[in-house]
């Protein structure tokens, strides 16, 4: 029998900002997710690890978040601000756990504006494995627990969402990085989906539509995470909001790289859709 999810709790462990004095804000993203099933069993996983292990550890301890219960780690993509806390997280968890990522996440990644700068995962595969990480490289949707799906490579279907400004070394050659490793997580609860995004380099609308397809859900209860809309033009913001309306999105929690413009437009046009979350916050969906 395919067990139904009856409750999802999300802790925001790392995010750019916080309103809590005892919590540290840091450029990056990490969320701890606990799914509860109808038979009272739980599946707990970590989605990204922020950019800094010390920040992650301090916030986990302050929140009393059950990081030691983690059964898997999902990496949204291979940038440092989502993977820099990985070794500290593994040490804190204290046992061998699967790490699910796209193969491209482990390539050498960099940007050249305003100067060349490495922005990839700051650890080697050997280092990760030596600290208990069991690396699982995967490009396709993967159900890692009942009704919990790592989406894998996201089909790029919208014409207004684009990826640019990133580079990668592949087969000893420098090429533009299309961020094929960018993926999300979808949790089916009832007939709806909760969708987690790290940075949405593949487009938050592309991620959302694919999540609904993979989970066979009717709508989105919550889209949470980074939307990579900082610096996006007004047309892309407007099109994104229109798509959210068409998809029947109930709540949107833009964080990290989402930018202020999407928040401003949500508050101006769809205030009931907006959910404000920062480091140290948590939410329960039933």
Protein backbone atom coordinates (compact mmCIF):
# COMPACT_ATOMS: atom_id res chain seq x y z
CA UNK A 1 0.00 0.00 0.00
CA UNK A 2 1.28 3.48 -0.92
CA UNK A 3 1.15 5.38 2.37
CA UNK A 4 -0.49 8.80 2.39
CA UNK A 5 1.26 11.87 3.81
CA UNK A 6 -0.92 13.50 6.48
CA UNK A 7 1.46 16.18 7.76
CA UNK A 8 4.63 17.95 6.65
CA UNK A 9 6.78 20.09 8.93
CA UNK A 10 9.44 22.36 7.46
CA UNK A 11 12.20 24.05 9.45
CA UNK A 12 14.10 26.86 7.69
CA UNK A 13 17.61 26.22 9.01
CA UNK A 14 19.58 28.63 6.82
CA UNK A 15 18.36 31.61 4.82
CA UNK A 16 19.71 35.05 3.97
CA UNK A 17 17.82 36.84 6.75
CA UNK A 18 16.18 36.28 10.11
CA UNK A 19 14.09 38.21 12.62
CA UNK A 20 15.21 36.08 15.57
CA UNK A 21 18.08 37.39 17.68
CA UNK A 22 19.38 33.92 18.53
CA UNK A 23 19.42 32.75 14.88
CA UNK A 24 22.06 33.58 12.27
CA UNK A 25 21.18 34.73 8.76
CA UNK A 26 23.56 33.71 5.99
CA UNK A 27 23.46 33.82 2.19
CA UNK A 28 22.21 30.38 1.28
CA UNK A 29 19.40 27.95 1.95
CA UNK A 30 18.78 24.83 3.99
CA UNK A 31 15.50 23.27 5.08
CA UNK A 32 14.73 20.24 7.24
CA UNK A 33 11.56 18.40 6.25
CA UNK A 34 9.66 15.83 8.28
CA UNK A 35 6.80 13.96 6.62
CA UNK A 36 4.31 12.07 8.77
CA UNK A 37 2.22 9.25 7.36
CA UNK A 38 -1.18 7.85 8.17
CA UNK A 39 0.43 4.99 10.12
CA UNK A 40 2.36 7.52 12.30
CA UNK A 41 5.72 6.69 10.71
CA UNK A 42 8.01 9.54 9.63
CA UNK A 43 10.52 10.29 6.90
CA UNK A 44 12.97 13.11 7.62
CA UNK A 45 15.31 14.62 5.05
CA UNK A 46 17.55 17.64 4.62
CA UNK A 47 17.12 19.84 1.55
CA UNK A 48 20.41 21.70 0.95
CA UNK A 49 22.86 22.67 3.69
CA UNK A 50 23.43 26.42 3.36
CA UNK A 51 26.81 27.98 2.65
CA UNK A 52 28.36 27.61 6.09
CA UNK A 53 28.55 24.66 8.42
CA UNK A 54 28.94 26.74 11.56
CA UNK A 55 25.79 28.72 10.82
CA UNK A 56 23.88 25.52 10.10
CA UNK A 57 25.05 23.89 13.33
CA UNK A 58 24.28 26.92 15.50
CA UNK A 59 20.77 27.34 14.08
CA UNK A 60 20.00 23.63 14.38
CA UNK A 61 20.97 23.68 18.05
CA UNK A 62 19.03 26.89 18.76
CA UNK A 63 15.91 25.50 17.09
CA UNK A 64 16.21 22.01 18.52
CA UNK A 65 15.62 20.75 14.98
CA UNK A 66 15.92 16.93 14.77
CA UNK A 67 18.84 16.82 12.33
CA UNK A 68 20.02 13.51 13.79
CA UNK A 69 16.79 11.95 12.47
CA UNK A 70 17.76 12.74 8.87
CA UNK A 71 17.46 9.71 6.59
CA UNK A 72 18.58 11.37 3.34
CA UNK A 73 20.03 14.62 1.99
CA UNK A 74 18.86 16.18 -1.27
CA UNK A 75 21.07 18.73 -3.02
CA UNK A 76 19.11 21.10 -5.24
CA UNK A 77 22.22 21.92 -7.31
CA UNK A 78 25.97 22.23 -7.08
CA UNK A 79 26.50 25.80 -5.85
CA UNK A 80 28.40 26.58 -2.65
CA UNK A 81 25.55 28.47 -0.96
CA UNK A 82 23.49 25.27 -0.95
CA UNK A 83 26.27 22.79 -0.19
CA UNK A 84 28.82 24.58 2.01
CA UNK A 85 27.37 23.10 5.20
CA UNK A 86 27.34 19.53 3.88
CA UNK A 87 30.31 18.15 5.83
CA UNK A 88 29.12 19.71 9.09
CA UNK A 89 25.62 18.34 8.45
CA UNK A 90 26.98 14.84 7.89
CA UNK A 91 29.06 15.03 11.07
CA UNK A 92 26.02 16.27 13.02
CA UNK A 93 23.79 13.51 11.64
CA UNK A 94 26.43 11.00 12.68
CA UNK A 95 25.52 8.10 10.41
CA UNK A 96 25.80 7.12 6.77
CA UNK A 97 23.02 8.68 4.69
CA UNK A 98 22.21 8.84 0.96
CA UNK A 99 22.89 12.15 -0.80
CA UNK A 100 20.79 12.55 -3.94
CA UNK A 101 22.10 14.94 -6.59
CA UNK A 102 22.32 15.36 -10.35
CA UNK A 103 25.72 14.24 -11.73
CA UNK A 104 26.46 17.78 -12.95
CA UNK A 105 26.30 19.07 -9.37
CA UNK A 106 29.85 17.83 -8.82
CA UNK A 107 31.41 19.60 -11.84
CA UNK A 108 33.70 22.61 -11.40
CA UNK A 109 31.43 25.65 -11.54
CA UNK A 110 32.29 29.34 -11.66
CA UNK A 111 31.15 32.83 -12.62
CA UNK A 112 33.17 35.57 -14.36
CA UNK A 113 31.28 38.73 -13.31
CA UNK A 114 32.55 40.98 -11.80
CA UNK A 115 35.61 38.66 -11.68
CA UNK A 116 36.21 34.96 -12.04
CA UNK A 117 35.10 33.12 -8.91
CA UNK A 118 34.57 29.45 -8.07
CA UNK A 119 31.01 28.86 -6.88
CA UNK A 120 30.73 25.07 -6.93
CA UNK A 121 30.57 22.50 -4.14
CA UNK A 122 33.52 23.24 -1.81
CA UNK A 123 34.22 19.54 -1.13
CA UNK A 124 35.40 16.59 -3.18
CA UNK A 125 33.38 13.42 -3.52
CA UNK A 126 35.98 11.61 -1.42
CA UNK A 127 35.62 14.13 1.41
CA UNK A 128 31.83 13.75 1.34
CA UNK A 129 32.05 9.97 1.35
CA UNK A 130 34.63 9.96 4.14
CA UNK A 131 32.12 11.82 6.34
CA UNK A 132 29.35 9.30 5.75
CA UNK A 133 27.71 10.58 2.57
CA UNK A 134 26.53 7.91 0.13
CA UNK A 135 26.37 9.80 -3.16
CA UNK A 136 23.52 8.84 -5.47
CA UNK A 137 23.72 10.59 -8.85
CA UNK A 138 20.41 10.70 -10.63
CA UNK A 139 18.76 12.64 -13.47
CA UNK A 140 15.22 11.27 -13.37
CA UNK A 141 12.35 11.61 -10.89
CA UNK A 142 13.03 9.42 -7.87
CA UNK A 143 10.57 8.58 -5.11
CA UNK A 144 12.81 8.51 -2.02
CA UNK A 145 9.94 7.78 0.40
CA UNK A 146 6.20 7.29 -0.11
CA UNK A 147 4.91 10.41 -1.92
CA UNK A 148 8.26 12.24 -1.60
CA UNK A 149 9.85 12.84 -5.01
CA UNK A 150 13.22 14.24 -6.02
CA UNK A 151 12.37 15.68 -9.43
CA UNK A 152 15.69 15.25 -11.24
CA UNK A 153 16.39 17.21 -14.42
CA UNK A 154 13.64 19.75 -15.07
CA UNK A 155 12.20 20.09 -18.61
CA UNK A 156 12.62 23.70 -19.79
CA UNK A 157 9.31 24.63 -21.40
CA UNK A 158 8.60 28.28 -20.59
CA UNK A 159 9.95 30.92 -22.95
CA UNK A 160 10.29 33.63 -20.29
CA UNK A 161 12.53 31.72 -17.84
CA UNK A 162 16.22 31.58 -18.67
CA UNK A 163 19.55 30.57 -17.18
CA UNK A 164 22.62 32.67 -17.89
CA UNK A 165 25.82 33.97 -16.34
CA UNK A 166 27.18 30.63 -15.13
CA UNK A 167 30.06 28.50 -16.42
CA UNK A 168 31.28 24.98 -15.90
CA UNK A 169 34.30 22.83 -16.75
CA UNK A 170 33.14 19.71 -18.57
CA UNK A 171 35.60 17.25 -20.15
CA UNK A 172 38.39 19.78 -19.48
CA UNK A 173 36.59 22.46 -21.52
CA UNK A 174 34.89 25.61 -20.29
CA UNK A 175 31.29 25.98 -21.41
CA UNK A 176 28.18 27.86 -20.41
CA UNK A 177 26.47 26.16 -17.48
CA UNK A 178 22.78 25.65 -18.24
CA UNK A 179 22.35 24.37 -14.68
CA UNK A 180 20.90 21.03 -15.71
CA UNK A 181 21.61 19.89 -12.14
CA UNK A 182 18.99 22.28 -10.78
CA UNK A 183 16.18 20.18 -9.31
CA UNK A 184 13.44 20.38 -6.72
CA UNK A 185 11.48 18.15 -4.37
CA UNK A 186 7.73 17.54 -4.43
CA UNK A 187 5.69 16.04 -1.61
CA UNK A 188 2.19 14.86 -2.44
CA UNK A 189 -0.31 15.54 0.34
CA UNK A 190 -3.89 14.73 -0.54
CA UNK A 191 -4.46 15.85 -4.13
CA UNK A 192 -1.96 18.70 -3.84
CA UNK A 193 1.81 19.11 -3.84
CA UNK A 194 4.29 20.92 -1.63
CA UNK A 195 7.20 22.03 -3.82
CA UNK A 196 10.72 22.81 -2.58
CA UNK A 197 13.11 24.82 -4.72
CA UNK A 198 16.76 25.60 -4.04
CA UNK A 199 17.41 28.37 -6.56
CA UNK A 200 15.10 27.53 -9.47
CA UNK A 201 17.79 28.10 -12.09
CA UNK A 202 15.60 25.92 -14.32
CA UNK A 203 12.64 28.28 -13.71
CA UNK A 204 10.22 28.16 -10.80
CA UNK A 205 7.27 27.71 -13.17
CA UNK A 206 9.04 24.86 -14.96
CA UNK A 207 9.74 23.23 -11.59
CA UNK A 208 6.17 23.68 -10.38
CA UNK A 209 4.55 22.30 -13.51
CA UNK A 210 6.89 19.31 -13.57
CA UNK A 211 6.26 18.66 -9.87
CA UNK A 212 2.52 18.52 -10.48
CA UNK A 213 3.08 16.16 -13.42
CA UNK A 214 5.39 13.81 -11.48
CA UNK A 215 3.16 13.66 -8.39
CA UNK A 216 -0.09 13.64 -10.39
CA UNK A 217 -1.35 16.52 -8.22
CA UNK A 218 -4.15 18.94 -9.02
CA UNK A 219 -2.56 22.05 -7.52
CA UNK A 220 0.22 23.38 -5.30
CA UNK A 221 -0.43 23.90 -1.59
CA UNK A 222 2.94 25.60 -1.11
CA UNK A 223 5.96 26.58 -3.21
CA UNK A 224 8.90 27.37 -0.94
CA UNK A 225 12.56 28.25 -1.46
CA UNK A 226 14.70 30.24 -3.86
CA UNK A 227 13.10 31.40 -7.11
CA UNK A 228 16.16 33.13 -8.68
CA UNK A 229 14.15 36.22 -9.59
CA UNK A 230 16.48 38.84 -8.09
CA UNK A 231 17.15 41.18 -11.01
CA UNK A 232 14.41 39.64 -13.16
CA UNK A 233 12.53 42.06 -15.43
CA UNK A 234 8.92 43.07 -14.83
CA UNK A 235 7.63 40.85 -17.63
CA UNK A 236 9.12 37.72 -16.08
CA UNK A 237 7.72 38.61 -12.65
CA UNK A 238 4.27 39.25 -14.12
CA UNK A 239 4.33 36.03 -16.15
CA UNK A 240 5.42 34.05 -13.08
CA UNK A 241 2.54 35.40 -11.00
CA UNK A 242 0.10 34.70 -13.80
CA UNK A 243 1.31 31.10 -14.00
CA UNK A 244 0.97 30.73 -10.21
CA UNK A 245 -2.66 31.81 -10.60
CA UNK A 246 -3.26 29.39 -13.48
CA UNK A 247 -1.69 26.51 -11.54
CA UNK A 248 -3.90 27.23 -8.51
CA UNK A 249 -1.04 27.88 -6.11
CA UNK A 250 -2.30 28.41 -2.57
CA UNK A 251 0.82 29.77 -0.83
CA UNK A 252 4.21 31.00 -2.01
CA UNK A 253 7.24 31.49 0.27
CA UNK A 254 9.99 33.14 -1.81
CA UNK A 255 13.38 33.18 -0.07
CA UNK A 256 17.12 33.44 -0.63
CA UNK A 257 17.66 34.45 -4.29
CA UNK A 258 14.03 35.35 -5.04
CA UNK A 259 14.53 39.11 -4.81
CA UNK A 260 12.28 41.83 -3.41
CA UNK A 261 10.30 42.44 -6.60
CA UNK A 262 8.42 39.13 -6.50
CA UNK A 263 7.54 39.79 -2.84
CA UNK A 264 6.41 43.34 -3.64
CA UNK A 265 4.20 42.16 -6.49
CA UNK A 266 2.75 39.33 -4.42
CA UNK A 267 1.83 41.75 -1.64
CA UNK A 268 0.37 44.19 -4.17
CA UNK A 269 -1.60 41.73 -6.31
CA UNK A 270 -1.93 38.45 -4.37
CA UNK A 271 -1.37 39.19 -0.65
CA UNK A 272 -3.24 36.07 0.48
CA UNK A 273 -0.79 33.94 -1.53
CA UNK A 274 2.33 35.33 0.14
CA UNK A 275 3.94 33.49 3.07
CA UNK A 276 6.93 35.15 4.77
CA UNK A 277 9.56 32.74 6.08
CA UNK A 278 13.15 33.28 7.15
CA UNK A 279 15.90 31.42 9.02
CA UNK A 280 14.55 30.12 12.30
CA UNK A 281 10.94 29.86 11.12
CA UNK A 282 8.96 26.65 10.74
CA UNK A 283 5.62 25.68 9.25
CA UNK A 284 3.29 22.69 9.50
CA UNK A 285 1.07 21.66 6.58
CA UNK A 286 -1.71 19.13 7.19
